[in-house]
Protein backbone atom coordinates (compact mmCIF):
# COMPACT_ATOMS: atom_id res chain seq x y z
CA ALA A 1 -7.35 -13.46 -21.31
CA ARG A 2 -4.25 -11.71 -22.64
CA ASP A 3 -5.44 -11.72 -26.24
CA LEU A 4 -8.97 -10.69 -25.32
CA LEU A 5 -7.72 -7.77 -23.22
CA ASP A 6 -5.27 -6.70 -25.92
CA GLY A 7 -8.19 -6.57 -28.36
CA LEU A 8 -10.34 -4.60 -25.95
CA ILE A 9 -7.51 -2.11 -25.37
CA GLU A 10 -7.44 -1.48 -29.12
CA VAL A 11 -11.20 -0.84 -29.12
CA ALA A 12 -11.17 1.36 -25.97
CA PRO A 13 -7.66 2.83 -25.74
CA HIS A 14 -8.58 5.42 -23.09
CA ASP A 15 -9.99 2.94 -20.55
CA PRO A 16 -7.47 2.56 -17.70
CA ARG A 17 -9.25 -0.50 -16.25
CA LEU A 18 -8.42 -2.60 -19.30
CA ARG A 19 -4.73 -1.84 -18.89
CA ILE A 20 -4.91 -2.63 -15.18
CA ASP A 21 -6.59 -5.96 -15.91
CA ARG A 22 -4.03 -6.72 -18.61
CA ALA A 23 -1.22 -5.78 -16.18
CA LEU A 24 -2.66 -8.29 -13.73
CA VAL A 25 -2.55 -11.01 -16.38
CA ALA A 26 1.04 -10.05 -17.21
CA ALA A 27 2.04 -10.12 -13.53
CA ARG A 28 0.44 -13.49 -12.94
CA THR A 29 2.19 -14.98 -15.96
CA GLY A 30 5.61 -13.67 -14.89
CA ASP A 31 5.86 -10.77 -17.35
CA ARG A 32 6.83 -8.06 -14.84
CA LYS A 33 8.13 -5.64 -17.47
CA THR A 34 4.82 -5.64 -19.38
CA ALA A 35 2.85 -5.33 -16.15
CA LEU A 36 4.81 -2.23 -15.10
CA ARG A 37 4.47 -0.68 -18.56
CA LEU A 38 0.71 -1.23 -18.56
CA LEU A 39 0.38 0.24 -15.07
CA ALA A 40 2.26 3.34 -16.20
CA GLU A 41 -0.04 3.63 -19.22
CA ALA A 42 -3.12 3.20 -17.00
CA ALA A 43 -1.86 5.97 -14.69
CA SER A 44 -1.79 8.39 -17.62
CA ARG A 45 -5.48 7.72 -18.40
CA ARG A 46 -7.07 9.28 -15.30
CA PRO A 47 -7.99 6.18 -13.33
CA SER A 48 -10.74 6.39 -10.72
CA PRO A 49 -9.90 6.05 -7.02
CA SER A 50 -10.88 2.36 -7.02
CA GLU A 51 -8.73 1.78 -10.12
CA ARG A 52 -5.80 3.55 -8.44
CA ARG A 53 -6.26 1.30 -5.41
CA HIS A 54 -6.12 -1.77 -7.66
CA MET A 55 -3.01 -0.33 -9.30
CA SER A 56 -1.35 0.13 -5.90
CA LEU A 57 -2.16 -3.45 -4.89
CA LEU A 58 -0.75 -4.73 -8.16
CA HIS A 59 2.42 -2.68 -7.66
CA LEU A 60 2.63 -4.24 -4.19
CA GLU A 61 2.25 -7.71 -5.68
CA LEU A 62 5.10 -6.88 -8.07
CA LYS A 63 7.21 -5.67 -5.10
CA ASP A 64 7.31 -2.25 -6.77
CA TYR A 65 6.93 -0.43 -3.46
CA VAL A 66 7.55 3.23 -4.34
CA PRO A 67 4.70 3.57 -6.88
CA ALA A 68 2.43 1.54 -4.61
CA GLN A 69 3.21 3.87 -1.72
CA ASP A 70 2.72 7.00 -3.83
CA LEU A 71 -0.68 5.82 -5.06
CA LEU A 72 -1.87 4.84 -1.60
CA ASP A 73 -0.58 8.02 0.03
CA ARG A 74 -2.47 10.13 -2.53
CA LEU A 75 -5.63 8.09 -2.02
CA ILE A 76 -5.32 8.46 1.76
CA LYS A 77 -5.00 12.25 1.35
CA GLU A 78 -8.22 12.21 -0.69
CA SER A 79 -10.03 9.90 1.77
CA PRO A 80 -8.31 10.25 5.15
CA THR A 81 -11.03 8.33 7.00
CA ASP A 82 -10.90 5.21 4.80
CA ALA A 83 -9.72 2.39 7.06
CA THR A 84 -9.30 0.01 4.11
CA LEU A 85 -6.78 2.32 2.45
CA MET A 86 -4.91 2.73 5.73
CA THR A 87 -4.83 -1.06 6.11
CA ASP A 88 -3.54 -1.39 2.55
CA ARG A 89 -0.80 1.10 3.47
CA ALA A 90 0.06 -0.95 6.57
CA SER A 91 0.29 -4.07 4.42
CA LEU A 92 2.62 -2.26 2.03
CA ALA A 93 4.83 -1.07 4.90
CA ALA A 94 5.00 -4.62 6.25
CA ALA A 95 5.92 -6.04 2.82
CA ALA A 96 8.63 -3.40 2.44
CA GLY A 97 10.12 -4.34 5.81
CA ASP A 98 8.92 -1.26 7.72
CA ARG A 99 7.44 -2.95 10.79
CA ALA A 100 7.17 0.29 12.80
CA GLY A 101 5.39 2.02 9.91
CA ALA A 102 3.04 -0.92 9.48
CA LEU A 103 2.15 -0.95 13.19
CA ARG A 104 1.59 2.83 13.14
CA ARG A 105 -0.76 2.52 10.12
CA LEU A 106 -2.65 -0.35 11.74
CA ALA A 107 -3.19 1.71 14.87
CA GLU A 108 -4.47 4.57 12.69
CA ALA A 109 -6.77 2.21 10.77
CA ARG A 110 -8.31 0.95 14.01
CA THR A 111 -9.32 4.49 14.96
CA LEU A 112 -11.29 4.88 11.71
CA SER A 113 -14.13 2.48 12.59
CA PRO A 114 -13.18 -0.18 10.04
CA ALA A 115 -15.71 -2.60 8.63
CA LEU A 116 -15.67 -6.23 9.74
CA ASP A 117 -13.52 -7.50 6.85
CA THR A 118 -11.00 -4.71 7.35
CA ARG A 119 -10.85 -5.38 11.09
CA HIS A 120 -10.16 -9.01 10.28
CA ARG A 121 -7.33 -7.97 7.92
CA ILE A 122 -5.93 -5.74 10.65
CA ALA A 123 -5.91 -8.63 13.12
CA LEU A 124 -4.14 -10.88 10.62
CA LEU A 125 -1.56 -8.19 9.85
CA TYR A 126 -0.86 -7.77 13.56
CA GLN A 127 -0.27 -11.50 13.75
CA ASP A 128 2.01 -11.43 10.68
CA LEU A 129 4.00 -8.67 12.39
CA ASP A 130 4.31 -10.78 15.56
CA ASP A 131 2.23 -8.32 17.55
CA ASN A 132 0.21 -11.04 19.19
CA GLU A 133 -1.11 -8.76 21.91
CA HIS A 134 -3.01 -6.59 19.45
CA GLY A 135 -3.73 -9.36 16.94
CA ARG A 136 -5.11 -11.84 19.45
CA GLY A 137 -7.08 -9.14 21.27
CA LEU A 138 -8.69 -7.92 18.06
CA MET A 139 -9.44 -11.47 16.91
CA ILE A 140 -11.14 -12.24 20.24
CA GLU A 141 -13.09 -8.99 19.97
CA LEU A 142 -14.23 -9.93 16.46
CA MET A 143 -15.31 -13.40 17.54
CA GLN A 144 -17.25 -12.01 20.49
CA SER A 145 -18.86 -9.22 18.47
CA PHE A 146 -19.73 -11.37 15.46
CA PRO A 147 -20.06 -14.97 16.66
CA GLN A 148 -21.94 -16.03 13.50
CA ASN A 149 -19.01 -14.92 11.32
CA ALA A 150 -16.50 -16.49 13.69
CA ARG A 151 -18.41 -19.77 13.56
CA ARG A 152 -18.36 -19.76 9.73
CA ARG A 153 -14.61 -19.06 9.69
CA ILE A 154 -13.93 -21.82 12.22
CA ASP A 155 -16.10 -24.24 10.26
CA ARG A 156 -14.32 -23.33 7.02
CA ALA A 157 -10.91 -23.77 8.67
CA ALA A 158 -11.91 -27.14 10.16
CA HIS A 159 -13.17 -28.31 6.78
CA ALA A 160 -9.94 -27.22 5.09
CA ALA A 161 -7.86 -28.92 7.77
CA ARG A 162 -9.75 -32.19 7.27
CA GLY A 163 -8.99 -31.95 3.57
CA GLY A 164 -5.33 -31.16 4.16
CA GLY A 165 -5.69 -27.46 3.23
CA ARG A 166 -4.41 -24.38 5.04
CA THR A 167 -7.02 -21.61 4.73
């Protein structure tokens, strides 16, 4: 993948997505320095909002919290009603050790009518932050509102448990 992406970058040097994808490969192979360089190069090539979101998540994965926060905060200013972005910001705050900030962002995300997958992420983040009151309540609400999805998740978890997995 690295060599293919390097070749594509030469062919399309102005495409930020190629640099983001290549940064992901670098991050996953332990080359943090290259990943950060490629993200900086991608930022200078006018990435789309979805590309900037991917960049922020990759910065988060690299534990490079300040650029991740800057990207997400700008995206939230552009789309203040996007619950997914607010949930991403909560996840970043939690990873950076800002429990109060994460809980505040989760509360904000819940007011934005999040989609099912985002509500599920919110519930899991509450649980990760040891806020079982909100996490458990939201998980029960999700299971009651969408029993078919809850059943699939329970079935998948039971199957993984039988096979020794933890999903």
